[in-house]
Protein backbone atom coordinates (compact mmCIF):
# COMPACT_ATOMS: atom_id res chain seq x y z
CA MET A 1 0.00 0.00 0.00
CA GLN A 2 1.46 3.27 -1.08
CA GLY A 3 1.50 5.92 1.64
CA LYS A 4 0.37 9.47 1.12
CA VAL A 5 2.72 12.35 1.73
CA MET A 6 0.98 15.16 3.59
CA THR A 7 2.35 18.65 3.12
CA GLU A 8 1.49 21.72 5.12
CA VAL A 9 1.09 25.01 3.35
CA ALA A 10 2.56 27.79 5.45
CA MET A 11 0.17 30.67 5.83
CA PRO A 12 1.78 33.99 4.97
CA ARG A 13 2.19 36.48 7.78
CA ILE A 14 -0.12 39.44 7.28
CA TYR A 15 1.09 42.98 7.92
CA VAL A 16 -1.20 45.99 7.85
CA GLY A 17 -0.16 49.57 7.23
CA ILE A 18 -2.50 52.41 8.21
CA ASP A 19 -1.92 55.99 7.12
CA VAL A 20 -3.80 58.33 9.43
CA CYS A 21 -5.29 61.74 8.85
CA LYS A 22 -8.03 63.62 10.67
CA GLU A 23 -10.92 62.45 8.48
CA ARG A 24 -9.74 59.11 7.02
CA LEU A 25 -7.68 55.98 7.51
CA ASP A 26 -5.96 54.49 4.44
CA ILE A 27 -5.23 50.79 4.90
CA TYR A 28 -2.98 48.37 3.01
CA ILE A 29 -2.86 44.63 3.77
CA HIS A 30 0.42 42.94 2.80
CA PRO A 31 1.04 40.54 1.08
CA ALA A 32 -2.62 40.23 0.09
CA GLY A 33 -2.34 43.52 -1.79
CA VAL A 34 -5.67 44.75 -0.46
CA SER A 35 -6.10 48.50 -0.20
CA PHE A 36 -9.11 50.40 1.14
CA SER A 37 -10.12 53.46 3.17
CA VAL A 38 -12.47 54.07 6.07
CA ALA A 39 -13.58 57.16 7.95
CA ASN A 40 -11.60 57.99 11.08
CA ASP A 41 -14.65 57.69 13.32
CA ALA A 42 -16.54 55.05 15.29
CA GLY A 43 -18.23 53.61 12.18
CA GLY A 44 -14.94 53.50 10.30
CA TRP A 45 -13.16 51.73 13.17
CA ARG A 46 -15.87 49.06 13.32
CA HIS A 47 -15.65 48.54 9.55
CA LEU A 48 -11.86 48.30 9.80
CA LEU A 49 -12.07 45.61 12.48
CA ARG A 50 -14.55 43.60 10.40
CA ARG A 51 -12.23 43.69 7.38
CA LEU A 52 -9.13 42.78 9.37
CA ALA A 53 -10.91 39.96 11.23
CA LYS A 54 -10.84 37.96 7.97
CA HIS A 55 -7.02 37.77 8.16
CA GLN A 56 -4.50 36.37 10.62
CA ILE A 57 -2.79 39.69 11.41
CA GLU A 58 0.85 39.59 12.49
CA LEU A 59 1.29 43.33 13.04
CA VAL A 60 -0.45 46.63 12.34
CA VAL A 61 1.86 49.61 11.74
CA MET A 62 0.81 53.24 12.11
CA GLU A 63 2.50 56.62 12.39
CA PRO A 64 1.80 58.66 15.54
CA THR A 65 -0.03 61.72 14.19
CA SER A 66 -0.85 64.00 17.11
CA LYS A 67 -4.08 62.57 18.56
CA TYR A 68 -5.74 61.33 15.37
CA HIS A 69 -4.28 57.82 15.54
CA ARG A 70 -5.12 57.14 19.18
CA ALA A 71 -8.73 55.97 18.90
CA ALA A 72 -7.92 53.53 16.08
CA HIS A 73 -4.90 52.35 18.08
CA ARG A 74 -7.11 51.64 21.12
CA HIS A 75 -9.75 49.78 19.08
CA LEU A 76 -7.17 47.59 17.34
CA SER A 77 -5.39 46.76 20.60
CA ALA A 78 -8.70 46.01 22.32
CA ALA A 79 -9.45 43.56 19.49
CA GLY A 80 -6.23 41.70 20.31
CA MET A 81 -4.10 42.97 17.43
CA ALA A 82 -0.46 43.92 17.85
CA VAL A 83 0.09 47.57 16.90
CA ALA A 84 3.43 49.30 16.32
CA LEU A 85 4.04 53.02 15.96
CA ILE A 86 6.84 54.07 13.63
CA ASN A 87 8.42 57.50 13.43
CA PRO A 88 7.28 59.32 10.24
CA HIS A 89 10.87 60.31 9.38
CA ARG A 90 11.98 56.69 9.67
CA ALA A 91 9.09 55.60 7.45
CA ARG A 92 10.04 58.16 4.79
CA LEU A 93 13.68 57.05 4.84
CA PHE A 94 12.53 53.44 4.48
CA ALA A 95 10.36 54.41 1.51
CA GLN A 96 13.31 56.11 -0.19
CA ALA A 97 15.53 53.09 0.53
CA CYS A 98 12.89 51.00 -1.29
CA GLY A 99 13.06 53.38 -4.27
CA GLN A 100 9.63 54.85 -3.49
CA PHE A 101 9.92 58.64 -3.83
CA ALA A 102 6.27 59.43 -4.57
CA LYS A 103 4.11 60.16 -1.55
CA THR A 104 0.37 59.68 -1.28
CA ASP A 105 -1.79 58.34 1.56
CA ARG A 106 -2.24 54.98 -0.19
CA ILE A 107 1.46 54.69 -0.92
CA ASP A 108 2.30 55.58 2.68
CA ALA A 109 -0.04 52.84 3.94
CA ARG A 110 1.72 50.28 1.74
CA ILE A 111 5.16 51.48 2.90
CA LEU A 112 4.10 51.12 6.54
CA ALA A 113 2.96 47.53 5.90
CA LEU A 114 6.29 46.71 4.24
CA ALA A 115 8.17 48.38 7.09
CA GLY A 116 6.28 46.16 9.53
CA GLU A 117 7.43 43.05 7.68
CA ARG A 118 11.06 44.05 7.19
CA LEU A 119 11.85 46.23 10.21
CA GLN A 120 9.73 44.35 12.77
CA PRO A 121 9.05 47.38 15.01
CA ASP A 122 8.06 46.69 18.59
CA GLN A 123 4.44 46.51 19.63
CA VAL A 124 3.23 49.58 21.55
CA ALA A 125 0.30 49.56 23.95
CA PRO A 126 -2.08 52.53 23.71
CA PRO A 127 -1.94 55.05 26.56
CA THR A 128 -4.51 54.79 29.30
CA ALA A 129 -7.17 57.47 29.59
CA GLU A 130 -5.25 58.96 32.53
CA GLU A 131 -1.95 59.02 30.62
CA GLU A 132 -3.61 60.62 27.60
CA ALA A 133 -5.29 63.28 29.75
CA LEU A 134 -2.01 64.03 31.52
CA GLU A 135 -0.24 64.38 28.17
CA GLU A 136 -2.89 66.85 26.96
CA LEU A 137 -2.55 68.88 30.17
CA ALA A 138 1.23 68.93 29.79
CA GLY A 139 0.85 70.13 26.19
CA ALA A 140 -1.57 72.85 27.28
CA ARG A 141 0.89 73.98 29.95
CA SER A 142 3.75 74.15 27.44
CA ALA A 143 1.59 76.14 25.01
CA ALA A 144 0.55 78.58 27.74
CA LEU A 145 4.15 79.10 28.81
CA ALA A 146 5.21 79.74 25.21
CA GLU A 147 2.37 82.25 24.82
CA ARG A 148 3.35 83.98 28.04
CA ALA A 149 6.97 84.24 26.90
CA ALA A 150 5.85 85.76 23.58
CA ILE A 151 3.73 88.36 25.39
CA ALA A 152 6.61 89.20 27.73
CA ASN A 153 8.84 89.80 24.71
CA ARG A 154 6.24 92.11 23.18
CA LEU A 155 5.91 94.04 26.44
CA ARG A 156 9.60 94.90 26.28
CA THR A 157 9.24 96.50 22.83
CA ILE A 158 6.08 98.61 23.07
CA ASN A 159 5.60 102.05 24.61
CA LEU A 160 1.85 102.67 24.20
CA PRO A 161 0.28 102.55 27.70
CA PHE A 162 -2.97 101.04 26.38
CA LEU A 163 -1.16 98.09 24.83
CA GLN A 164 0.97 97.69 27.93
CA ARG A 165 -2.16 97.39 30.09
CA GLU A 166 -3.78 94.92 27.65
CA LEU A 167 -0.73 92.69 27.49
CA ALA A 168 -0.20 92.87 31.25
CA GLY A 169 -3.81 91.66 31.67
CA GLN A 170 -3.16 88.77 29.30
CA MET A 171 -0.05 87.89 31.31
CA ARG A 172 -2.07 87.76 34.54
CA ASN A 173 -4.71 85.57 32.90
CA LEU A 174 -2.04 83.22 31.60
CA ASP A 175 -0.41 83.06 35.03
CA ARG A 176 -3.72 81.98 36.54
CA HIS A 177 -4.28 79.52 33.68
CA VAL A 178 -0.85 77.92 34.20
CA SER A 179 -1.45 77.73 37.94
CA ARG A 180 -4.77 75.92 37.42
CA LEU A 181 -3.14 73.53 34.93
CA GLU A 182 -0.33 72.70 37.35
CA THR A 183 -2.82 72.08 40.16
CA LYS A 184 -4.81 69.72 37.91
CA ILE A 185 -1.63 67.93 36.84
CA GLU A 186 -0.53 67.41 40.45
CA THR A 187 -3.98 66.10 41.34
CA MET A 188 -4.00 63.63 38.44
CA ILE A 189 -0.54 62.29 39.27
CA ALA A 190 -1.41 61.92 42.95
CA ALA A 191 -4.64 60.05 42.07
CA ASP A 192 -2.79 57.36 40.08
CA PRO A 193 -0.80 55.04 42.40
CA ILE A 194 1.72 54.02 39.75
CA MET A 195 2.41 57.53 38.47
CA ALA A 196 2.45 58.90 42.01
CA ARG A 197 5.13 56.40 43.05
CA GLN A 198 7.18 57.06 39.91
CA ALA A 199 6.95 60.80 40.53
CA VAL A 200 8.25 60.39 44.10
CA ILE A 201 11.17 58.26 42.87
CA ILE A 202 12.17 60.62 40.06
CA ARG A 203 11.71 63.70 42.25
CA SER A 204 14.13 62.23 44.81
CA ILE A 205 17.03 62.66 42.37
CA PRO A 206 18.86 65.97 42.99
CA GLY A 207 18.29 68.23 39.99
CA MET A 208 14.92 66.74 39.07
CA GLY A 209 12.07 69.20 39.58
CA PRO A 210 8.32 68.87 39.02
CA VAL A 211 8.64 69.98 35.39
CA ASN A 212 11.22 67.26 34.73
CA VAL A 213 9.02 64.69 36.45
CA LEU A 214 6.08 65.66 34.25
CA ALA A 215 8.23 65.47 31.10
CA ILE A 216 9.39 61.95 31.98
CA LEU A 217 5.93 60.67 32.96
CA THR A 218 4.40 61.94 29.71
CA GLY A 219 7.39 61.50 27.39
CA LEU A 220 8.72 58.14 28.57
CA ARG A 221 5.77 55.96 29.52
CA GLU A 222 8.07 52.95 29.10
CA ILE A 223 10.20 53.97 32.11
CA GLY A 224 10.92 51.04 34.40
CA SER A 225 10.15 48.44 31.73
CA ILE A 226 13.18 49.10 29.49
CA ASN A 227 16.94 49.09 29.97
CA GLY A 228 19.23 52.10 30.21
CA LYS A 229 20.34 52.01 26.57
CA GLU A 230 16.75 51.97 25.37
CA ALA A 231 15.88 54.86 27.69
CA THR A 232 18.73 57.03 26.38
CA ALA A 233 17.81 56.21 22.77
CA LEU A 234 14.15 57.12 23.30
CA ALA A 235 15.21 60.37 24.95
CA GLY A 236 17.47 61.18 21.99
CA LEU A 237 20.59 61.17 24.17
CA ALA A 238 22.39 58.15 22.72
CA PRO A 239 25.63 59.10 20.89
CA PHE A 240 26.00 57.64 17.41
CA ALA A 241 29.34 56.73 15.87
CA ASN A 242 30.58 58.63 12.80
CA ASP A 243 33.63 56.64 11.70
CA SER A 244 34.96 55.80 8.25
CA GLY A 245 38.17 53.85 7.72
CA PRO A 246 40.89 55.31 9.96
CA ARG A 247 38.84 58.46 10.63
CA GLN A 248 36.99 58.63 13.91
CA GLY A 249 34.38 61.36 13.71
CA GLN A 250 32.72 63.07 16.62
CA ARG A 251 29.82 61.17 18.16
CA ARG A 252 26.52 63.03 17.99
CA ILE A 253 23.08 62.53 19.43
CA ARG A 254 20.05 62.53 17.17
CA GLY A 255 16.44 61.48 16.98
CA GLY A 256 14.45 60.61 20.06
CA ARG A 257 11.73 62.62 21.78
CA ALA A 258 12.58 66.29 21.63
CA ASN A 259 10.47 67.54 24.55
CA LEU A 260 11.87 64.86 26.84
CA ARG A 261 15.44 65.64 25.75
CA LYS A 262 14.98 69.38 26.41
CA ALA A 263 13.62 68.73 29.89
CA LEU A 264 16.49 66.38 30.73
CA TYR A 265 19.04 68.92 29.47
CA MET A 266 17.62 71.56 31.82
CA ALA A 267 17.66 69.01 34.63
CA ALA A 268 21.31 68.31 33.81
CA VAL A 269 22.13 72.02 34.29
CA SER A 270 20.72 71.80 37.80
CA ALA A 271 22.18 68.36 38.57
CA SER A 272 25.67 69.48 37.51
CA ARG A 273 25.52 71.91 40.43
CA CYS A 274 23.53 70.14 43.16
CA HIS A 275 23.88 66.38 42.54
CA PRO A 276 27.05 65.29 44.41
CA ASP A 277 28.03 62.49 42.03
CA LEU A 278 27.00 64.16 38.78
CA ARG A 279 28.65 67.42 39.78
CA THR A 280 31.95 65.54 40.12
CA PHE A 281 31.28 63.75 36.83
CA TYR A 282 30.57 67.06 35.06
CA GLN A 283 33.70 68.73 36.47
CA ARG A 284 35.82 65.75 35.43
CA LEU A 285 34.59 66.00 31.84
CA ARG A 286 35.25 69.74 31.77
CA ALA A 287 38.75 69.18 33.13
CA LYS A 288 39.39 66.80 30.22
CA GLY A 289 38.59 69.59 27.78
CA LYS A 290 35.02 68.63 26.93
CA SER A 291 32.69 71.50 26.07
CA ALA A 292 30.04 72.53 28.58
CA LYS A 293 27.25 71.42 26.24
CA LEU A 294 28.77 68.00 25.63
CA ALA A 295 29.33 67.51 29.37
CA LEU A 296 25.73 68.49 30.14
CA ILE A 297 24.43 66.01 27.56
CA ALA A 298 26.50 63.31 29.26
CA VAL A 299 24.95 64.32 32.62
CA ALA A 300 21.45 64.22 31.08
CA ARG A 301 22.21 60.72 29.79
CA LYS A 302 23.21 59.58 33.27
CA LEU A 303 20.09 61.18 34.74
CA ILE A 304 17.67 59.24 32.56
CA VAL A 305 19.58 55.99 33.11
CA LEU A 306 19.49 56.63 36.87
CA ALA A 307 15.77 57.49 36.84
CA ASN A 308 14.97 54.37 34.82
CA SER A 309 17.01 52.15 37.15
CA LEU A 310 15.38 53.57 40.28
CA VAL A 311 11.87 53.14 38.87
CA THR A 312 12.73 49.57 37.83
CA GLU A 313 13.93 48.83 41.36
CA ASN A 314 11.07 50.83 42.95
CA ARG A 315 13.34 52.81 45.25
CA CYS A 316 14.23 56.44 45.82
CA TRP A 317 17.66 57.94 45.30
CA THR A 318 20.04 57.89 48.24
CA PRO A 319 23.55 59.40 48.31
CA LEU A 320 26.50 57.07 48.13
CA ARG A 321 28.23 56.45 51.42
CA PRO A 322 31.62 58.17 51.70
């Protein structure tokens, strides 16, 4: 009796790219070659889930576009699908590396699907409602501070008393607005046990103030669940090599999350004066001929590594014993 040889057909892994705009989601399913669009609203999200439920999805790739991607991200994650967020600049460089120089929403969706297959970006969980609200409050505070600074600059250049009174009134209103925002932010952090504990830990580090704590809580939600190298890369503080043959170029930082990096740089200015260990570290770098800016970036790098380690270990900073 002749036996039968059974063969298994491997099912292709399905990657989905979604290009997001305010009104619409453009979707591409790879390698099925299926392309379609849905509205970026509740009905569109339900239709998207019905279409994707017909496939065994390996990964969905999106670009973070302000707040317009968040609802779709939450619905996809709630349906059990792995979702990755890829930096738009990285996606564009990938497209150019693939020889794709044209740019449309449908093309971008296809490029994101291909990037998911070839780059294998990490899955990202959507922010909780509390984290999203805190991020919006932090953004409102930053915008109010920028507006206040602009008004202060105008006040220094005008002489008309009427305009001076008007702008001074706007300054007072903004001061009250910022104060209310900061009170709300403090209340929200205190009401969340996890964020409250993280805030206490980060705040215990000399040089870290409430503004720095807020920047880390909103800009590095992964803190405590990643290693030090990943934390510095996400903060845009990792130095990249620039060597070619015998030439060793100067290492430079690039990429990362700009708002987080700025906050850590300002924290480094303070830590280089009041943190006993980092002050010594900063002075040692300066004594070796390093520029003040380069030394401060190195201090900022140590700060985020220290904060991440302390949160991972769930302990506050304590000075080293002499």
